[in-house]
């Protein structure tokens, strides 16, 4: 029974991660909303910071990774593991107003 529950959770996590990526890429949600959701949704909280940042429209992988490094943030961190100060830094550095990329 535990194995099937774990498999179900993993499948739900993959779906949530894909939805999150699609919503960010299409501009249906923004970084601030994702960070806020990570505080109440365990599936979103389990997503890694770098995955989210690279899903933002216009994000460039190398520049995103360099900027995270400059800020002293590890892209492998889970959203749920970010403290309030780190969330503020991420929003200040990476958030773009909705519609700005269009």
PDB file of N, CA and C in Angstrom:
ATOM      1  N   UNK A   1       0.820  -1.195   0.000  1.00  0.00           N
ATOM      2  CA  UNK A   1       0.000   0.000   0.000  1.00  0.00           C
ATOM      3  C   UNK A   1       0.866   1.262   0.000  1.00  0.00           C
ATOM      4  N   UNK A   2       1.935   1.286   0.763  1.00  0.00           N
ATOM      5  CA  UNK A   2       2.791   2.469   0.826  1.00  0.00           C
ATOM      6  C   UNK A   2       3.444   2.758  -0.519  1.00  0.00           C
ATOM      7  N   UNK A   3       3.827   1.708  -1.221  1.00  0.00           N
ATOM      8  CA  UNK A   3       4.468   1.897  -2.516  1.00  0.00           C
ATOM      9  C   UNK A   3       3.510   2.551  -3.496  1.00  0.00           C
ATOM     10  N   UNK A   4       2.281   2.089  -3.545  1.00  0.00           N
ATOM     11  CA  UNK A   4       1.324   2.666  -4.486  1.00  0.00           C
ATOM     12  C   UNK A   4       1.012   4.121  -4.113  1.00  0.00           C
ATOM     13  N   UNK A   5       0.981   4.430  -2.827  1.00  0.00           N
ATOM     14  CA  UNK A   5       0.767   5.811  -2.404  1.00  0.00           C
ATOM     15  C   UNK A   5       1.940   6.689  -2.829  1.00  0.00           C
ATOM     16  N   UNK A   6       3.141   6.159  -2.701  1.00  0.00           N
ATOM     17  CA  UNK A   6       4.325   6.913  -3.114  1.00  0.00           C
ATOM     18  C   UNK A   6       4.331   7.134  -4.622  1.00  0.00           C
ATOM     19  N   UNK A   7       3.942   6.120  -5.367  1.00  0.00           N
ATOM     20  CA  UNK A   7       3.876   6.263  -6.824  1.00  0.00           C
ATOM     21  C   UNK A   7       2.820   7.288  -7.225  1.00  0.00           C
ATOM     22  N   UNK A   8       1.685   7.268  -6.536  1.00  0.00           N
ATOM     23  CA  UNK A   8       0.640   8.259  -6.815  1.00  0.00           C
ATOM     24  C   UNK A   8       1.130   9.670  -6.509  1.00  0.00           C
ATOM     25  N   UNK A   9       1.826   9.826  -5.376  1.00  0.00           N
ATOM     26  CA  UNK A   9       2.350  11.145  -5.006  1.00  0.00           C
ATOM     27  C   UNK A   9       3.344  11.620  -6.061  1.00  0.00           C
ATOM     28  N   UNK A  10       4.226  10.727  -6.509  1.00  0.00           N
ATOM     29  CA  UNK A  10       5.222  11.101  -7.517  1.00  0.00           C
ATOM     30  C   UNK A  10       4.554  11.509  -8.827  1.00  0.00           C
ATOM     31  N   UNK A  11       3.511  10.787  -9.194  1.00  0.00           N
ATOM     32  CA  UNK A  11       2.803  11.136 -10.429  1.00  0.00           C
ATOM     33  C   UNK A  11       2.112  12.490 -10.285  1.00  0.00           C
ATOM     34  N   UNK A  12       1.503  12.729  -9.138  1.00  0.00           N
ATOM     35  CA  UNK A  12       0.881  14.032  -8.888  1.00  0.00           C
ATOM     36  C   UNK A  12       1.926  15.142  -8.915  1.00  0.00           C
ATOM     37  N   UNK A  13       3.099  14.882  -8.354  1.00  0.00           N
ATOM     38  CA  UNK A  13       4.176  15.876  -8.322  1.00  0.00           C
ATOM     39  C   UNK A  13       4.642  16.207  -9.740  1.00  0.00           C
ATOM     40  N   UNK A  14       4.785  15.190 -10.578  1.00  0.00           N
ATOM     41  CA  UNK A  14       5.194  15.432 -11.973  1.00  0.00           C
ATOM     42  C   UNK A  14       4.156  16.273 -12.712  1.00  0.00           C
ATOM     43  N   UNK A  15       2.880  15.948 -12.503  1.00  0.00           N
ATOM     44  CA  UNK A  15       1.820  16.721 -13.149  1.00  0.00           C
ATOM     45  C   UNK A  15       1.816  18.169 -12.671  1.00  0.00           C
ATOM     46  N   UNK A  16       1.958  18.355 -11.357  1.00  0.00           N
ATOM     47  CA  UNK A  16       1.962  19.712 -10.796  1.00  0.00           C
ATOM     48  C   UNK A  16       3.151  20.504 -11.338  1.00  0.00           C
ATOM     49  N   UNK A  17       4.307  19.862 -11.419  1.00  0.00           N
ATOM     50  CA  UNK A  17       5.505  20.531 -11.930  1.00  0.00           C
ATOM     51  C   UNK A  17       5.313  20.928 -13.390  1.00  0.00           C
ATOM     52  N   UNK A  18       4.713  20.047 -14.175  1.00  0.00           N
ATOM     53  CA  UNK A  18       4.483  20.351 -15.586  1.00  0.00           C
ATOM     54  C   UNK A  18       3.470  21.479 -15.743  1.00  0.00           C
ATOM     55  N   UNK A  19       2.390  21.448 -14.945  1.00  0.00           N
ATOM     56  CA  UNK A  19       1.398  22.527 -14.986  1.00  0.00           C
ATOM     57  C   UNK A  19       2.037  23.855 -14.615  1.00  0.00           C
ATOM     58  N   UNK A  20       2.870  23.815 -13.583  1.00  0.00           N
ATOM     59  CA  UNK A  20       3.563  25.015 -13.130  1.00  0.00           C
ATOM     60  C   UNK A  20       4.435  25.584 -14.249  1.00  0.00           C
ATOM     61  N   UNK A  21       5.198  24.715 -14.884  1.00  0.00           N
ATOM     62  CA  UNK A  21       6.058  25.134 -15.999  1.00  0.00           C
ATOM     63  C   UNK A  21       5.210  25.742 -17.128  1.00  0.00           C
ATOM     64  N   UNK A  22       4.142  25.050 -17.506  1.00  0.00           N
ATOM     65  CA  UNK A  22       3.292  25.517 -18.605  1.00  0.00           C
ATOM     66  C   UNK A  22       2.647  26.863 -18.269  1.00  0.00           C
ATOM     67  N   UNK A  23       2.157  27.010 -17.030  1.00  0.00           N
ATOM     68  CA  UNK A  23       1.516  28.262 -16.622  1.00  0.00           C
ATOM     69  C   UNK A  23       2.500  29.421 -16.593  1.00  0.00           C
ATOM     70  N   UNK A  24       3.701  29.178 -16.108  1.00  0.00           N
ATOM     71  CA  UNK A  24       4.726  30.228 -16.104  1.00  0.00           C
ATOM     72  C   UNK A  24       5.124  30.602 -17.525  1.00  0.00           C
ATOM     73  N   UNK A  25       5.393  29.595 -18.338  1.00  0.00           N
ATOM     74  CA  UNK A  25       5.843  29.840 -19.711  1.00  0.00           C
ATOM     75  C   UNK A  25       4.797  30.576 -20.524  1.00  0.00           C
ATOM     76  N   UNK A  26       3.518  30.294 -20.265  1.00  0.00           N
ATOM     77  CA  UNK A  26       2.438  30.932 -21.015  1.00  0.00           C
ATOM     78  C   UNK A  26       2.027  32.273 -20.415  1.00  0.00           C
ATOM     79  N   UNK A  27       2.575  32.617 -19.249  1.00  0.00           N
ATOM     80  CA  UNK A  27       2.231  33.883 -18.619  1.00  0.00           C
ATOM     81  C   UNK A  27       0.915  33.858 -17.855  1.00  0.00           C
ATOM     82  N   UNK A  28       0.367  32.651 -17.614  1.00  0.00           N
ATOM     83  CA  UNK A  28      -0.885  32.543 -16.855  1.00  0.00           C
ATOM     84  C   UNK A  28      -0.672  32.731 -15.358  1.00  0.00           C
ATOM     85  N   UNK A  29       0.561  32.621 -14.925  1.00  0.00           N
ATOM     86  CA  UNK A  29       0.920  32.864 -13.530  1.00  0.00           C
ATOM     87  C   UNK A  29       2.275  33.543 -13.524  1.00  0.00           C
ATOM     88  N   UNK A  30       2.657  34.092 -12.379  1.00  0.00           N
ATOM     89  CA  UNK A  30       3.962  34.742 -12.296  1.00  0.00           C
ATOM     90  C   UNK A  30       4.729  34.208 -11.090  1.00  0.00           C
ATOM     91  N   UNK A  31       5.948  34.647 -10.964  1.00  0.00           N
ATOM     92  CA  UNK A  31       6.838  34.149  -9.931  1.00  0.00           C
ATOM     93  C   UNK A  31       6.296  34.415  -8.528  1.00  0.00           C
ATOM     94  N   UNK A  32       5.720  35.575  -8.319  1.00  0.00           N
ATOM     95  CA  UNK A  32       5.169  35.907  -6.995  1.00  0.00           C
ATOM     96  C   UNK A  32       4.061  34.935  -6.610  1.00  0.00           C
ATOM     97  N   UNK A  33       3.196  34.610  -7.561  1.00  0.00           N
ATOM     98  CA  UNK A  33       2.104  33.674  -7.297  1.00  0.00           C
ATOM     99  C   UNK A  33       2.638  32.277  -6.990  1.00  0.00           C
ATOM    100  N   UNK A  34       3.661  31.866  -7.706  1.00  0.00           N
ATOM    101  CA  UNK A  34       4.244  30.540  -7.486  1.00  0.00           C
ATOM    102  C   UNK A  34       4.858  30.463  -6.087  1.00  0.00           C
ATOM    103  N   UNK A  35       5.596  31.485  -5.703  1.00  0.00           N
ATOM    104  CA  UNK A  35       6.197  31.486  -4.366  1.00  0.00           C
ATOM    105  C   UNK A  35       5.125  31.480  -3.285  1.00  0.00           C
ATOM    106  N   UNK A  36       4.052  32.207  -3.510  1.00  0.00           N
ATOM    107  CA  UNK A  36       2.964  32.239  -2.536  1.00  0.00           C
ATOM    108  C   UNK A  36       2.292  30.866  -2.451  1.00  0.00           C
ATOM    109  N   UNK A  37       2.071  30.231  -3.590  1.00  0.00           N
ATOM    110  CA  UNK A  37       1.466  28.891  -3.599  1.00  0.00           C
ATOM    111  C   UNK A  37       2.340  27.868  -2.902  1.00  0.00           C
ATOM    112  N   UNK A  38       3.654  28.044  -2.972  1.00  0.00           N
ATOM    113  CA  UNK A  38       4.558  27.074  -2.357  1.00  0.00           C
ATOM    114  C   UNK A  38       4.425  27.043  -0.834  1.00  0.00           C
ATOM    115  N   UNK A  39       3.840  28.090  -0.269  1.00  0.00           N
ATOM    116  CA  UNK A  39       3.645  28.135   1.174  1.00  0.00           C
ATOM    117  C   UNK A  39       2.467  27.278   1.630  1.00  0.00           C
ATOM    118  N   UNK A  40       1.552  26.952   0.698  1.00  0.00           N
ATOM    119  CA  UNK A  40       0.384  26.181   1.096  1.00  0.00           C
ATOM    120  C   UNK A  40       0.186  24.891   0.311  1.00  0.00           C
ATOM    121  N   UNK A  41       0.976  24.674  -0.711  1.00  0.00           N
ATOM    122  CA  UNK A  41       0.836  23.490  -1.560  1.00  0.00           C
ATOM    123  C   UNK A  41       2.141  22.698  -1.518  1.00  0.00           C
ATOM    124  N   UNK A  42       2.092  21.507  -0.930  1.00  0.00           N
ATOM    125  CA  UNK A  42       3.316  20.722  -0.772  1.00  0.00           C
ATOM    126  C   UNK A  42       3.938  20.292  -2.093  1.00  0.00           C
ATOM    127  N   UNK A  43       3.119  20.115  -3.134  1.00  0.00           N
ATOM    128  CA  UNK A  43       3.662  19.731  -4.435  1.00  0.00           C
ATOM    129  C   UNK A  43       4.449  20.887  -5.053  1.00  0.00           C
ATOM    130  N   UNK A  44       3.951  22.092  -4.919  1.00  0.00           N
ATOM    131  CA  UNK A  44       4.667  23.264  -5.428  1.00  0.00           C
ATOM    132  C   UNK A  44       5.896  23.526  -4.561  1.00  0.00           C
ATOM    133  N   UNK A  45       5.780  23.325  -3.258  1.00  0.00           N
ATOM    134  CA  UNK A  45       6.905  23.539  -2.349  1.00  0.00           C
ATOM    135  C   UNK A  45       8.069  22.599  -2.659  1.00  0.00           C
ATOM    136  N   UNK A  46       7.772  21.450  -3.267  1.00  0.00           N
ATOM    137  CA  UNK A  46       8.809  20.468  -3.570  1.00  0.00           C
ATOM    138  C   UNK A  46       9.571  20.773  -4.862  1.00  0.00           C
ATOM    139  N   UNK A  47       9.103  21.754  -5.635  1.00  0.00           N
ATOM    140  CA  UNK A  47       9.739  22.092  -6.912  1.00  0.00           C
ATOM    141  C   UNK A  47      11.018  22.891  -6.644  1.00  0.00           C
ATOM    142  N   UNK A  48      12.033  22.624  -7.443  1.00  0.00           N
ATOM    143  CA  UNK A  48      13.314  23.306  -7.268  1.00  0.00           C
ATOM    144  C   UNK A  48      13.292  24.713  -7.863  1.00  0.00           C
ATOM    145  N   UNK A  49      13.999  25.602  -7.200  1.00  0.00           N
ATOM    146  CA  UNK A  49      14.060  27.007  -7.586  1.00  0.00           C
ATOM    147  C   UNK A  49      14.509  27.186  -9.032  1.00  0.00           C
ATOM    148  N   UNK A  50      15.557  26.514  -9.436  1.00  0.00           N
ATOM    149  CA  UNK A  50      16.092  26.679 -10.789  1.00  0.00           C
ATOM    150  C   UNK A  50      15.064  26.282 -11.848  1.00  0.00           C
ATOM    151  N   UNK A  51      14.315  25.211 -11.602  1.00  0.00           N
ATOM    152  CA  UNK A  51      13.279  24.783 -12.545  1.00  0.00           C
ATOM    153  C   UNK A  51      12.266  25.902 -12.752  1.00  0.00           C
ATOM    154  N   UNK A  52      11.853  26.517 -11.664  1.00  0.00           N
ATOM    155  CA  UNK A  52      10.859  27.597 -11.746  1.00  0.00           C
ATOM    156  C   UNK A  52      11.435  28.798 -12.488  1.00  0.00           C
ATOM    157  N   UNK A  53      12.633  29.213 -12.117  1.00  0.00           N
ATOM    158  CA  UNK A  53      13.224  30.400 -12.741  1.00  0.00           C
ATOM    159  C   UNK A  53      13.468  30.200 -14.228  1.00  0.00           C
ATOM    160  N   UNK A  54      13.836  28.996 -14.620  1.00  0.00           N
ATOM    161  CA  UNK A  54      14.077  28.730 -16.037  1.00  0.00           C
ATOM    162  C   UNK A  54      12.774  28.579 -16.820  1.00  0.00           C
ATOM    163  N   UNK A  55      11.645  28.483 -16.114  1.00  0.00           N
ATOM    164  CA  UNK A  55      10.342  28.388 -16.767  1.00  0.00           C
ATOM    165  C   UNK A  55       9.747  29.760 -17.053  1.00  0.00           C
ATOM    166  N   UNK A  56      10.293  30.790 -16.445  1.00  0.00           N
ATOM    167  CA  UNK A  56       9.794  32.153 -16.634  1.00  0.00           C
ATOM    168  C   UNK A  56      10.099  32.589 -18.074  1.00  0.00           C
ATOM    169  N   UNK A  57       9.118  33.173 -18.760  1.00  0.00           N
ATOM    170  CA  UNK A  57       9.349  33.612 -20.141  1.00  0.00           C
ATOM    171  C   UNK A  57      10.557  34.547 -20.234  1.00  0.00           C
ATOM    172  N   UNK A  58      11.398  34.287 -21.214  1.00  0.00           N
ATOM    173  CA  UNK A  58      12.568  35.122 -21.441  1.00  0.00           C
ATOM    174  C   UNK A  58      13.781  34.745 -20.605  1.00  0.00           C
ATOM    175  N   UNK A  59      13.617  33.782 -19.709  1.00  0.00           N
ATOM    176  CA  UNK A  59      14.749  33.367 -18.869  1.00  0.00           C
ATOM    177  C   UNK A  59      15.800  32.676 -19.737  1.00  0.00           C
ATOM    178  N   UNK A  60      17.042  32.998 -19.465  1.00  0.00           N
ATOM    179  CA  UNK A  60      18.153  32.361 -20.167  1.00  0.00           C
ATOM    180  C   UNK A  60      18.902  31.531 -19.149  1.00  0.00           C
ATOM    181  N   UNK A  61      19.070  30.255 -19.449  1.00  0.00           N
ATOM    182  CA  UNK A  61      19.604  29.305 -18.474  1.00  0.00           C
ATOM    183  C   UNK A  61      20.942  29.727 -17.889  1.00  0.00           C
ATOM    184  N   UNK A  62      21.882  30.052 -18.710  1.00  0.00           N
ATOM    185  CA  UNK A  62      23.219  30.388 -18.212  1.00  0.00           C
ATOM    186  C   UNK A  62      23.180  31.657 -17.367  1.00  0.00           C
ATOM    187  N   UNK A  63      22.467  32.676 -17.848  1.00  0.00           N
ATOM    188  CA  UNK A  63      22.389  33.920 -17.086  1.00  0.00           C
ATOM    189  C   UNK A  63      21.655  33.725 -15.759  1.00  0.00           C
ATOM    190  N   UNK A  64      20.614  32.911 -15.765  1.00  0.00           N
ATOM    191  CA  UNK A  64      19.871  32.630 -14.535  1.00  0.00           C
ATOM    192  C   UNK A  64      20.774  31.940 -13.522  1.00  0.00           C
ATOM    193  N   UNK A  65      21.516  30.949 -13.973  1.00  0.00           N
ATOM    194  CA  UNK A  65      22.415  30.215 -13.075  1.00  0.00           C
ATOM    195  C   UNK A  65      23.523  31.131 -12.548  1.00  0.00           C
ATOM    196  N   UNK A  66      24.067  31.977 -13.404  1.00  0.00           N
ATOM    197  CA  UNK A  66      25.113  32.906 -12.955  1.00  0.00           C
ATOM    198  C   UNK A  66      24.571  33.883 -11.915  1.00  0.00           C
ATOM    199  N   UNK A  67      23.379  34.401 -12.171  1.00  0.00           N
ATOM    200  CA  UNK A  67      22.775  35.375 -11.247  1.00  0.00           C
ATOM    201  C   UNK A  67      22.497  34.728  -9.892  1.00  0.00           C
ATOM    202  N   UNK A  68      21.984  33.501  -9.905  1.00  0.00           N
ATOM    203  CA  UNK A  68      21.766  32.777  -8.642  1.00  0.00           C
ATOM    204  C   UNK A  68      23.083  32.615  -7.894  1.00  0.00           C
ATOM    205  N   UNK A  69      24.116  32.266  -8.630  1.00  0.00           N
ATOM    206  CA  UNK A  69      25.442  32.091  -8.024  1.00  0.00           C
ATOM    207  C   UNK A  69      25.933  33.405  -7.421  1.00  0.00           C
ATOM    208  N   UNK A  70      25.760  34.499  -8.154  1.00  0.00           N
ATOM    209  CA  UNK A  70      26.170  35.818  -7.653  1.00  0.00           C
ATOM    210  C   UNK A  70      25.423  36.187  -6.376  1.00  0.00           C
ATOM    211  N   UNK A  71      24.171  35.755  -6.288  1.00  0.00           N
ATOM    212  CA  UNK A  71      23.338  36.068  -5.121  1.00  0.00           C
ATOM    213  C   UNK A  71      23.567  35.101  -3.965  1.00  0.00           C
ATOM    214  N   UNK A  72      24.346  34.048  -4.226  1.00  0.00           N
ATOM    215  CA  UNK A  72      24.601  33.067  -3.181  1.00  0.00           C
ATOM    216  C   UNK A  72      23.431  32.127  -2.940  1.00  0.00           C
ATOM    217  N   UNK A  73      22.584  31.968  -3.960  1.00  0.00           N
ATOM    218  CA  UNK A  73      21.440  31.071  -3.846  1.00  0.00           C
ATOM    219  C   UNK A  73      21.695  29.797  -4.631  1.00  0.00           C
ATOM    220  N   UNK A  74      21.279  28.690  -4.068  1.00  0.00           N
ATOM    221  CA  UNK A  74      21.442  27.392  -4.714  1.00  0.00           C
ATOM    222  C   UNK A  74      20.164  27.062  -5.481  1.00  0.00           C
ATOM    223  N   UNK A  75      20.267  26.906  -6.782  1.00  0.00           N
ATOM    224  CA  UNK A  75      19.115  26.606  -7.621  1.00  0.00           C
ATOM    225  C   UNK A  75      18.501  25.257  -7.324  1.00  0.00           C
ATOM    226  N   UNK A  76      19.232  24.394  -6.619  1.00  0.00           N
ATOM    227  CA  UNK A  76      18.703  23.072  -6.276  1.00  0.00           C
ATOM    228  C   UNK A  76      17.794  23.106  -5.049  1.00  0.00           C
ATOM    229  N   UNK A  77      17.725  24.277  -4.413  1.00  0.00           N
ATOM    230  CA  UNK A  77      16.840  24.408  -3.245  1.00  0.00           C
ATOM    231  C   UNK A  77      15.395  24.275  -3.657  1.00  0.00           C
ATOM    232  N   UNK A  78      14.612  23.706  -2.794  1.00  0.00           N
ATOM    233  CA  UNK A  78      13.176  23.577  -3.027  1.00  0.00           C
ATOM    234  C   UNK A  78      12.501  24.885  -2.642  1.00  0.00           C
ATOM    235  N   UNK A  79      11.429  25.225  -3.320  1.00  0.00           N
ATOM    236  CA  UNK A  79      10.730  26.475  -3.026  1.00  0.00           C
ATOM    237  C   UNK A  79      10.292  26.538  -1.575  1.00  0.00           C
ATOM    238  N   UNK A  80       9.862  25.430  -1.044  1.00  0.00           N
ATOM    239  CA  UNK A  80       9.411  25.392   0.335  1.00  0.00           C
ATOM    240  C   UNK A  80      10.520  25.632   1.340  1.00  0.00           C
ATOM    241  N   UNK A  81      11.765  25.504   0.916  1.00  0.00           N
ATOM    242  CA  UNK A  81      12.909  25.694   1.803  1.00  0.00           C
ATOM    243  C   UNK A  81      13.467  27.105   1.801  1.00  0.00           C
ATOM    244  N   UNK A  82      12.882  27.990   1.008  1.00  0.00           N
ATOM    245  CA  UNK A  82      13.358  29.368   0.955  1.00  0.00           C
ATOM    246  C   UNK A  82      12.768  30.158   2.123  1.00  0.00           C
ATOM    247  N   UNK A  83      13.608  30.962   2.763  1.00  0.00           N
ATOM    248  CA  UNK A  83      13.080  31.814   3.839  1.00  0.00           C
ATOM    249  C   UNK A  83      12.564  33.126   3.233  1.00  0.00           C
ATOM    250  N   UNK A  84      11.981  33.961   4.063  1.00  0.00           N
ATOM    251  CA  UNK A  84      11.346  35.203   3.587  1.00  0.00           C
ATOM    252  C   UNK A  84      12.343  36.117   2.880  1.00  0.00           C
ATOM    253  N   UNK A  85      13.554  36.242   3.413  1.00  0.00           N
ATOM    254  CA  UNK A  85      14.558  37.095   2.779  1.00  0.00           C
ATOM    255  C   UNK A  85      14.952  36.559   1.405  1.00  0.00           C
ATOM    256  N   UNK A  86      15.123  35.241   1.298  1.00  0.00           N
ATOM    257  CA  UNK A  86      15.486  34.646   0.008  1.00  0.00           C
ATOM    258  C   UNK A  86      14.355  34.825  -1.008  1.00  0.00           C
ATOM    259  N   UNK A  87      13.125  34.719  -0.561  1.00  0.00           N
ATOM    260  CA  UNK A  87      11.985  34.929  -1.458  1.00  0.00           C
ATOM    261  C   UNK A  87      11.976  36.365  -1.984  1.00  0.00           C
ATOM    262  N   UNK A  88      12.255  37.318  -1.095  1.00  0.00           N
ATOM    263  CA  UNK A  88      12.307  38.722  -1.517  1.00  0.00           C
ATOM    264  C   UNK A  88      13.407  38.942  -2.553  1.00  0.00           C
ATOM    265  N   UNK A  89      14.561  38.342  -2.333  1.00  0.00           N
ATOM    266  CA  UNK A  89      15.676  38.482  -3.277  1.00  0.00           C
ATOM    267  C   UNK A  89      15.295  37.883  -4.630  1.00  0.00           C
ATOM    268  N   UNK A  90      14.715  36.705  -4.606  1.00  0.00           N
ATOM    269  CA  UNK A  90      14.310  36.044  -5.853  1.00  0.00           C
ATOM    270  C   UNK A  90      13.311  36.912  -6.607  1.00  0.00           C
ATOM    271  N   UNK A  91      12.324  37.432  -5.907  1.00  0.00           N
ATOM    272  CA  UNK A  91      11.333  38.293  -6.572  1.00  0.00           C
ATOM    273  C   UNK A  91      11.964  39.565  -7.116  1.00  0.00           C
ATOM    274  N   UNK A  92      12.841  40.171  -6.337  1.00  0.00           N
ATOM    275  CA  UNK A  92      13.475  41.416  -6.780  1.00  0.00           C
ATOM    276  C   UNK A  92      14.349  41.198  -8.015  1.00  0.00           C
ATOM    277  N   UNK A  93      15.003  40.069  -8.080  1.00  0.00           N
ATOM    278  CA  UNK A  93      15.954  39.818  -9.168  1.00  0.00           C
ATOM    279  C   UNK A  93      15.344  39.171 -10.412  1.00  0.00           C
ATOM    280  N   UNK A  94      14.287  38.382 -10.217  1.00  0.00           N
ATOM    281  CA  UNK A  94      13.807  37.556 -11.336  1.00  0.00           C
ATOM    282  C   UNK A  94      12.369  37.821 -11.763  1.00  0.00           C
ATOM    283  N   UNK A  95      11.593  38.510 -10.941  1.00  0.00           N
ATOM    284  CA  UNK A  95      10.181  38.707 -11.296  1.00  0.00           C
ATOM    285  C   UNK A  95      10.066  39.752 -12.395  1.00  0.00           C
ATOM    286  N   UNK A  96       9.202  39.462 -13.322  1.00  0.00           N
ATOM    287  CA  UNK A  96       8.890  40.424 -14.374  1.00  0.00           C
ATOM    288  C   UNK A  96       7.392  40.659 -14.306  1.00  0.00           C
ATOM    289  N   UNK A  97       6.952  41.878 -14.528  1.00  0.00           N
ATOM    290  CA  UNK A  97       5.513  42.138 -14.495  1.00  0.00           C
ATOM    291  C   UNK A  97       4.789  41.286 -15.534  1.00  0.00           C
ATOM    292  N   UNK A  98       3.610  40.842 -15.200  1.00  0.00           N
ATOM    293  CA  UNK A  98       2.819  40.021 -16.114  1.00  0.00           C
ATOM    294  C   UNK A  98       2.595  40.794 -17.400  1.00  0.00           C
ATOM    295  N   UNK A  99       2.854  40.116 -18.511  1.00  0.00           N
ATOM    296  CA  UNK A  99       2.667  40.760 -19.809  1.00  0.00           C
ATOM    297  C   UNK A  99       3.910  41.478 -20.306  1.00  0.00           C
ATOM    298  N   UNK A 100       4.935  41.615 -19.471  1.00  0.00           N
ATOM    299  CA  UNK A 100       6.137  42.333 -19.888  1.00  0.00           C
ATOM    300  C   UNK A 100       6.917  41.589 -20.954  1.00  0.00           C
ATOM    301  N   UNK A 101       6.808  40.270 -20.946  1.00  0.00           N
ATOM    302  CA  UNK A 101       7.552  39.476 -21.929  1.00  0.00           C
ATOM    303  C   UNK A 101       6.845  39.381 -23.253  1.00  0.00           C
ATOM    304  N   UNK A 102       5.618  39.870 -23.356  1.00  0.00           N
ATOM    305  CA  UNK A 102       4.846  39.740 -24.598  1.00  0.00           C
ATOM    306  C   UNK A 102       5.105  40.886 -25.520  1.00  0.00           C
TER     307      UNK A 102
END
